[in-house]
C-alpha atoms as a PDB file:
ATOM      1  CA  MET A   1       0.000   0.000   0.000  1.00  0.00           C
ATOM      2  CA  THR A   2       2.824   2.364   0.914  1.00  0.00           C
ATOM      3  CA  HIS A   3       4.578   1.529  -2.367  1.00  0.00           C
ATOM      4  CA  ASP A   4       1.416   2.342  -4.327  1.00  0.00           C
ATOM      5  CA  MET A   5       1.028   5.665  -2.547  1.00  0.00           C
ATOM      6  CA  ASN A   6       4.626   6.586  -3.342  1.00  0.00           C
ATOM      7  CA  VAL A   7       4.038   5.795  -7.028  1.00  0.00           C
ATOM      8  CA  ILE A   8       0.909   7.974  -7.072  1.00  0.00           C
ATOM      9  CA  ARG A   9       2.747  10.853  -5.376  1.00  0.00           C
ATOM     10  CA  LEU A  10       5.641  10.577  -7.841  1.00  0.00           C
ATOM     11  CA  ALA A  11       3.244  10.615 -10.804  1.00  0.00           C
ATOM     12  CA  PHE A  12       1.470  13.668  -9.376  1.00  0.00           C
ATOM     13  CA  LEU A  13       4.758  15.544  -8.908  1.00  0.00           C
ATOM     14  CA  CYS A  14       5.854  14.727 -12.464  1.00  0.00           C
ATOM     15  CA  ALA A  15       2.557  16.034 -13.845  1.00  0.00           C
ATOM     16  CA  LEU A  16       2.881  19.204 -11.758  1.00  0.00           C
ATOM     17  CA  VAL A  17       6.417  19.825 -13.028  1.00  0.00           C
ATOM     18  CA  ALA A  18       5.233  19.336 -16.624  1.00  0.00           C
ATOM     19  CA  LEU A  19       2.385  21.815 -16.192  1.00  0.00           C
ATOM     20  CA  THR A  20       4.717  24.349 -14.585  1.00  0.00           C
ATOM     21  CA  GLY A  21       6.995  24.060 -17.577  1.00  0.00           C
ATOM     22  CA  CYS A  22       4.100  24.705 -19.951  1.00  0.00           C
ATOM     23  CA  PHE A  23       3.028  27.812 -18.060  1.00  0.00           C
ATOM     24  CA  SER A  24       6.603  29.031 -18.040  1.00  0.00           C
ATOM     25  CA  LEU A  25       6.852  28.641 -21.802  1.00  0.00           C
ATOM     26  CA  SER A  26       3.587  30.515 -22.369  1.00  0.00           C
ATOM     27  CA  ARG A  27       4.806  33.411 -20.191  1.00  0.00           C
ATOM     28  CA  ASP A  28       7.929  33.668 -22.360  1.00  0.00           C
ATOM     29  CA  GLU A  29       5.918  34.099 -25.561  1.00  0.00           C
ATOM     30  CA  PRO A  30       5.416  37.698 -26.751  1.00  0.00           C
ATOM     31  CA  PRO A  31       1.896  39.067 -26.190  1.00  0.00           C
ATOM     32  CA  GLN A  32      -0.486  39.301 -29.104  1.00  0.00           C
ATOM     33  CA  GLN A  33      -0.892  42.815 -30.483  1.00  0.00           C
ATOM     34  CA  HIS A  34      -4.020  43.893 -32.340  1.00  0.00           C
ATOM     35  CA  TYR A  35      -4.343  46.698 -34.889  1.00  0.00           C
ATOM     36  CA  VAL A  36      -7.191  48.610 -36.516  1.00  0.00           C
ATOM     37  CA  LEU A  37      -7.324  50.763 -39.623  1.00  0.00           C
ATOM     38  CA  GLY A  38      -8.510  54.352 -39.750  1.00  0.00           C
ATOM     39  CA  GLY A  39      -5.850  56.004 -37.610  1.00  0.00           C
ATOM     40  CA  THR A  40      -4.479  58.411 -40.225  1.00  0.00           C
ATOM     41  CA  PRO A  41      -5.852  61.991 -40.286  1.00  0.00           C
ATOM     42  CA  LEU A  42      -8.871  62.495 -42.511  1.00  0.00           C
ATOM     43  CA  PRO A  43      -8.433  64.811 -45.523  1.00  0.00           C
ATOM     44  CA  GLU A  44      -9.904  68.269 -45.585  1.00  0.00           C
ATOM     45  CA  THR A  45     -13.083  68.760 -47.589  1.00  0.00           C
ATOM     46  CA  ASP A  46     -12.276  69.446 -51.236  1.00  0.00           C
ATOM     47  CA  ALA A  47     -14.272  72.259 -52.821  1.00  0.00           C
ATOM     48  CA  SER A  48     -14.454  70.345 -56.103  1.00  0.00           C
ATOM     49  CA  ALA A  49     -16.245  67.518 -54.302  1.00  0.00           C
ATOM     50  CA  GLU A  50     -19.252  69.820 -53.833  1.00  0.00           C
ATOM     51  CA  ARG A  51     -20.402  68.411 -57.162  1.00  0.00           C
ATOM     52  CA  LEU A  52     -21.241  65.233 -55.261  1.00  0.00           C
ATOM     53  CA  ALA A  53     -23.685  66.994 -52.936  1.00  0.00           C
ATOM     54  CA  GLY A  54     -26.862  65.036 -52.367  1.00  0.00           C
ATOM     55  CA  LEU A  55     -25.594  61.667 -53.590  1.00  0.00           C
ATOM     56  CA  ALA A  56     -26.172  58.592 -51.439  1.00  0.00           C
ATOM     57  CA  ILE A  57     -23.498  55.885 -51.662  1.00  0.00           C
ATOM     58  CA  GLY A  58     -23.572  52.276 -50.482  1.00  0.00           C
ATOM     59  CA  LEU A  59     -20.371  50.299 -49.901  1.00  0.00           C
ATOM     60  CA  ARG A  60     -20.846  46.611 -50.580  1.00  0.00           C
ATOM     61  CA  GLN A  61     -18.917  43.957 -48.668  1.00  0.00           C
ATOM     62  CA  PRO A  62     -15.317  44.100 -49.984  1.00  0.00           C
ATOM     63  CA  GLN A  63     -14.103  40.962 -51.726  1.00  0.00           C
ATOM     64  CA  LEU A  64     -10.673  39.898 -50.451  1.00  0.00           C
ATOM     65  CA  ALA A  65      -8.110  37.586 -51.982  1.00  0.00           C
ATOM     66  CA  GLU A  66      -8.452  34.303 -50.118  1.00  0.00           C
ATOM     67  CA  TYR A  67      -5.090  34.571 -48.365  1.00  0.00           C
ATOM     68  CA  LEU A  68      -6.150  37.900 -46.841  1.00  0.00           C
ATOM     69  CA  GLU A  69      -9.173  36.349 -45.111  1.00  0.00           C
ATOM     70  CA  THR A  70      -7.280  35.802 -41.870  1.00  0.00           C
ATOM     71  CA  PRO A  71      -6.883  37.676 -38.582  1.00  0.00           C
ATOM     72  CA  PHE A  72      -3.093  37.665 -39.079  1.00  0.00           C
ATOM     73  CA  ILE A  73      -1.358  40.622 -40.724  1.00  0.00           C
ATOM     74  CA  VAL A  74       0.288  39.308 -43.891  1.00  0.00           C
ATOM     75  CA  VAL A  75       3.860  39.977 -45.005  1.00  0.00           C
ATOM     76  CA  ARG A  76       5.087  38.719 -48.371  1.00  0.00           C
ATOM     77  CA  GLN A  77       8.773  37.758 -48.414  1.00  0.00           C
ATOM     78  CA  GLY A  78      10.106  37.693 -51.937  1.00  0.00           C
ATOM     79  CA  PRO A  79       7.682  37.052 -54.800  1.00  0.00           C
ATOM     80  CA  HIS A  80       5.935  33.954 -53.441  1.00  0.00           C
ATOM     81  CA  GLN A  81       6.391  33.304 -49.697  1.00  0.00           C
ATOM     82  CA  LEU A  82       3.731  34.540 -47.273  1.00  0.00           C
ATOM     83  CA  ARG A  83       4.280  35.081 -43.555  1.00  0.00           C
ATOM     84  CA  PHE A  84       1.277  35.238 -41.221  1.00  0.00           C
ATOM     85  CA  SER A  85       2.213  36.992 -38.003  1.00  0.00           C
ATOM     86  CA  GLU A  86       0.920  35.011 -35.012  1.00  0.00           C
ATOM     87  CA  PHE A  87       1.468  37.921 -32.634  1.00  0.00           C
ATOM     88  CA  HIS A  88       0.366  40.829 -34.863  1.00  0.00           C
ATOM     89  CA  ARG A  89      -3.297  40.570 -35.775  1.00  0.00           C
ATOM     90  CA  TRP A  90      -6.162  42.673 -37.034  1.00  0.00           C
ATOM     91  CA  GLY A  91      -8.420  43.773 -34.214  1.00  0.00           C
ATOM     92  CA  GLU A  92     -11.530  43.360 -36.386  1.00  0.00           C
ATOM     93  CA  GLU A  93     -12.584  41.555 -39.540  1.00  0.00           C
ATOM     94  CA  LEU A  94     -10.346  43.025 -42.249  1.00  0.00           C
ATOM     95  CA  ALA A  95     -13.134  43.540 -44.802  1.00  0.00           C
ATOM     96  CA  GLY A  96     -15.176  45.486 -42.251  1.00  0.00           C
ATOM     97  CA  GLY A  97     -12.201  47.611 -41.236  1.00  0.00           C
ATOM     98  CA  ILE A  98     -11.455  48.469 -44.867  1.00  0.00           C
ATOM     99  CA  ASN A  99     -15.080  49.451 -45.526  1.00  0.00           C
ATOM    100  CA  ARG A 100     -15.269  51.557 -42.378  1.00  0.00           C
ATOM    101  CA  THR A 101     -12.058  53.394 -43.242  1.00  0.00           C
ATOM    102  CA  VAL A 102     -12.983  54.042 -46.884  1.00  0.00           C
ATOM    103  CA  ALA A 103     -16.415  55.315 -45.801  1.00  0.00           C
ATOM    104  CA  ALA A 104     -14.791  57.766 -43.380  1.00  0.00           C
ATOM    105  CA  HIS A 105     -12.452  59.082 -46.098  1.00  0.00           C
ATOM    106  CA  LEU A 106     -15.307  59.483 -48.580  1.00  0.00           C
ATOM    107  CA  ALA A 107     -17.409  61.322 -46.013  1.00  0.00           C
ATOM    108  CA  ALA A 108     -14.540  63.709 -45.268  1.00  0.00           C
ATOM    109  CA  ARG A 109     -13.898  64.493 -48.926  1.00  0.00           C
ATOM    110  CA  GLY A 110     -17.278  65.789 -50.020  1.00  0.00           C
ATOM    111  CA  SER A 111     -20.835  66.675 -49.167  1.00  0.00           C
ATOM    112  CA  LEU A 112     -22.376  63.321 -49.998  1.00  0.00           C
ATOM    113  CA  ASP A 113     -25.888  62.905 -48.676  1.00  0.00           C
ATOM    114  CA  GLY A 114     -24.946  59.668 -46.948  1.00  0.00           C
ATOM    115  CA  ILE A 115     -22.559  56.707 -47.041  1.00  0.00           C
ATOM    116  CA  ASP A 116     -23.773  53.321 -45.879  1.00  0.00           C
ATOM    117  CA  VAL A 117     -21.746  50.169 -45.365  1.00  0.00           C
ATOM    118  CA  VAL A 118     -23.221  46.683 -45.346  1.00  0.00           C
ATOM    119  CA  PRO A 119     -25.370  45.578 -43.711  1.00  0.00           C
ATOM    120  CA  TRP A 120     -27.748  48.449 -44.328  1.00  0.00           C
ATOM    121  CA  ALA A 121     -31.494  48.714 -43.755  1.00  0.00           C
ATOM    122  CA  PRO A 122     -33.633  46.598 -46.140  1.00  0.00           C
ATOM    123  CA  ARG A 123     -35.343  49.656 -47.620  1.00  0.00           C
ATOM    124  CA  ALA A 124     -32.184  51.752 -47.957  1.00  0.00           C
ATOM    125  CA  ARG A 125     -31.878  53.483 -51.309  1.00  0.00           C
ATOM    126  CA  HIS A 126     -28.605  54.622 -52.841  1.00  0.00           C
ATOM    127  CA  ASP A 127     -27.751  56.488 -55.997  1.00  0.00           C
ATOM    128  CA  TYR A 128     -24.642  54.380 -56.481  1.00  0.00           C
ATOM    129  CA  LEU A 129     -22.997  51.291 -55.031  1.00  0.00           C
ATOM    130  CA  ILE A 130     -19.261  50.700 -54.717  1.00  0.00           C
ATOM    131  CA  GLN A 131     -17.723  47.240 -54.916  1.00  0.00           C
ATOM    132  CA  LEU A 132     -14.105  46.827 -53.780  1.00  0.00           C
ATOM    133  CA  HIS A 133     -11.830  43.885 -54.623  1.00  0.00           C
ATOM    134  CA  LEU A 134      -8.658  43.745 -52.500  1.00  0.00           C
ATOM    135  CA  LEU A 135      -6.033  41.708 -54.375  1.00  0.00           C
ATOM    136  CA  ARG A 136      -3.052  42.709 -52.213  1.00  0.00           C
ATOM    137  CA  PHE A 137      -2.998  44.311 -48.765  1.00  0.00           C
ATOM    138  CA  GLU A 138       0.275  43.475 -47.055  1.00  0.00           C
ATOM    139  CA  GLY A 139       3.828  44.247 -46.117  1.00  0.00           C
ATOM    140  CA  LEU A 140       6.661  43.416 -48.520  1.00  0.00           C
ATOM    141  CA  ALA A 141       9.885  42.080 -47.015  1.00  0.00           C
ATOM    142  CA  PRO A 142      13.146  41.430 -48.893  1.00  0.00           C
ATOM    143  CA  GLU A 143      14.173  37.855 -49.612  1.00  0.00           C
ATOM    144  CA  VAL A 144      17.420  38.474 -47.709  1.00  0.00           C
ATOM    145  CA  PRO A 145      16.482  37.881 -44.031  1.00  0.00           C
ATOM    146  CA  THR A 146      19.013  40.411 -42.732  1.00  0.00           C
ATOM    147  CA  ALA A 147      17.608  43.274 -44.839  1.00  0.00           C
ATOM    148  CA  SER A 148      15.422  45.625 -42.815  1.00  0.00           C
ATOM    149  CA  GLU A 149      13.773  47.868 -45.426  1.00  0.00           C
ATOM    150  CA  GLY A 150      10.542  46.743 -47.019  1.00  0.00           C
ATOM    151  CA  ALA A 151       7.341  48.315 -48.326  1.00  0.00           C
ATOM    152  CA  ALA A 152       3.585  48.412 -47.873  1.00  0.00           C
ATOM    153  CA  TYR A 153       1.472  47.358 -50.828  1.00  0.00           C
ATOM    154  CA  LEU A 154      -2.209  47.739 -51.696  1.00  0.00           C
ATOM    155  CA  LEU A 155      -3.675  46.569 -55.000  1.00  0.00           C
ATOM    156  CA  ALA A 156      -7.418  46.911 -55.493  1.00  0.00           C
ATOM    157  CA  THR A 157      -9.922  47.021 -58.313  1.00  0.00           C
ATOM    158  CA  TRP A 158     -13.329  48.600 -57.924  1.00  0.00           C
ATOM    159  CA  GLU A 159     -16.630  49.300 -59.633  1.00  0.00           C
ATOM    160  CA  ILE A 160     -19.202  52.057 -59.264  1.00  0.00           C
ATOM    161  CA  ILE A 161     -22.651  50.626 -59.928  1.00  0.00           C
ATOM    162  CA  ASP A 162     -26.062  52.166 -60.574  1.00  0.00           C
ATOM    163  CA  GLN A 163     -28.331  50.610 -57.954  1.00  0.00           C
ATOM    164  CA  GLN A 164     -31.412  51.028 -60.107  1.00  0.00           C
ATOM    165  CA  ASP A 165     -30.407  48.748 -62.979  1.00  0.00           C
ATOM    166  CA  GLY A 166     -27.104  47.203 -61.817  1.00  0.00           C
ATOM    167  CA  ALA A 167     -25.135  48.822 -64.634  1.00  0.00           C
ATOM    168  CA  VAL A 168     -21.416  49.358 -64.011  1.00  0.00           C
ATOM    169  CA  LEU A 169     -20.756  53.053 -64.599  1.00  0.00           C
ATOM    170  CA  ALA A 170     -17.029  53.114 -63.851  1.00  0.00           C
ATOM    171  CA  ARG A 171     -14.189  50.690 -63.184  1.00  0.00           C
ATOM    172  CA  GLY A 172     -10.717  51.367 -61.889  1.00  0.00           C
ATOM    173  CA  THR A 173      -7.574  50.078 -60.228  1.00  0.00           C
ATOM    174  CA  THR A 174      -5.661  51.526 -57.286  1.00  0.00           C
ATOM    175  CA  ASP A 175      -2.039  50.370 -57.205  1.00  0.00           C
ATOM    176  CA  TYR A 176      -0.309  51.816 -54.148  1.00  0.00           C
ATOM    177  CA  ARG A 177       3.188  51.017 -52.883  1.00  0.00           C
ATOM    178  CA  ALA A 178       5.024  52.859 -50.105  1.00  0.00           C
ATOM    179  CA  ASP A 179       8.714  52.023 -49.802  1.00  0.00           C
ATOM    180  CA  GLY A 180      10.718  52.519 -46.634  1.00  0.00           C
ATOM    181  CA  TRP A 181       8.769  50.271 -44.275  1.00  0.00           C
ATOM    182  CA  THR A 182      10.959  49.042 -41.412  1.00  0.00           C
ATOM    183  CA  VAL A 183      10.369  45.290 -41.494  1.00  0.00           C
ATOM    184  CA  GLY A 184       8.904  44.183 -38.172  1.00  0.00           C
ATOM    185  CA  ASP A 185       7.356  47.569 -37.307  1.00  0.00           C
ATOM    186  CA  TYR A 186       3.676  46.704 -37.599  1.00  0.00           C
ATOM    187  CA  ASP A 187       2.444  50.083 -36.346  1.00  0.00           C
ATOM    188  CA  GLU A 188       4.230  51.669 -39.275  1.00  0.00           C
ATOM    189  CA  LEU A 189       2.908  49.057 -41.712  1.00  0.00           C
ATOM    190  CA  VAL A 190      -0.713  49.598 -40.674  1.00  0.00           C
ATOM    191  CA  ALA A 191      -0.258  53.388 -40.970  1.00  0.00           C
ATOM    192  CA  LEU A 192       1.107  52.982 -44.512  1.00  0.00           C
ATOM    193  CA  LEU A 193      -1.774  50.694 -45.495  1.00  0.00           C
ATOM    194  CA  ASP A 194      -4.115  53.331 -44.054  1.00  0.00           C
ATOM    195  CA  THR A 195      -2.568  55.855 -46.432  1.00  0.00           C
ATOM    196  CA  GLY A 196      -3.182  53.392 -49.264  1.00  0.00           C
ATOM    197  CA  LEU A 197      -6.881  53.328 -48.383  1.00  0.00           C
ATOM    198  CA  ARG A 198      -6.903  57.116 -48.480  1.00  0.00           C
ATOM    199  CA  GLU A 199      -5.507  56.980 -52.044  1.00  0.00           C
ATOM    200  CA  LEU A 200      -8.150  54.402 -52.939  1.00  0.00           C
ATOM    201  CA  SER A 201     -10.816  56.760 -51.611  1.00  0.00           C
ATOM    202  CA  ASP A 202      -9.362  59.633 -53.651  1.00  0.00           C
ATOM    203  CA  ASP A 203      -9.604  57.478 -56.790  1.00  0.00           C
ATOM    204  CA  LEU A 204     -13.258  56.725 -56.015  1.00  0.00           C
ATOM    205  CA  ILE A 205     -14.076  60.411 -55.497  1.00  0.00           C
ATOM    206  CA  ALA A 206     -12.383  61.294 -58.798  1.00  0.00           C
ATOM    207  CA  ALA A 207     -14.330  58.573 -60.624  1.00  0.00           C
ATOM    208  CA  LEU A 208     -17.617  59.724 -59.097  1.00  0.00           C
ATOM    209  CA  GLU A 209     -16.915  63.287 -60.224  1.00  0.00           C
ATOM    210  CA  ARG A 210     -16.002  62.189 -63.776  1.00  0.00           C
ATOM    211  CA  HIS A 211     -18.702  59.634 -64.444  1.00  0.00           C
ATOM    212  CA  VAL A 212     -21.730  60.109 -62.255  1.00  0.00           C
ATOM    213  CA  ALA A 213     -21.848  63.603 -60.728  1.00  0.00           C
ATOM    214  CA  PRO A 214     -24.526  65.866 -62.280  1.00  0.00           C
END
């Protein structure tokens, strides 16, 4: 009986040591950090955008490249390798964050009557809908691991659609690259991607003025 008790005590101590080791390892891991878009200053209202006064715009759910549908911030190393950062994550669904940020930039640029993002009310009526397709939204790191200078890259296509008949009134592409990103500085990367969304919004405003403004 005493022998059996000693065996049980030894097994319990071994299990306790193992658990302590696991907790120790988890404490040594870096904490997760979460980031949101929309932190860059909004642009001042442009007088030329007064031509858009009274228009109601609806932003559809952005379509993301499949590899971007993740909570991890993506960094592309070289032409083909993707790195998903375990400890640097988006603090919200990326598609929703992109829509929210673009809507804020559009609202700041002109006197639009209203800008809705999905989901909107069932009876909501818009003059035009905007559909975004995000093909690239990431950091770019050199293939050489010791190199520290990378870039931020946004590549998106978009359509402006007449809600009444579904006709596509304008199409465009926003191709934005900002060199000088310090690889590993995710605050800086998110700020640069924010600037890319501002350029995307500028392209949308310009297209609205050219193609659909009265």
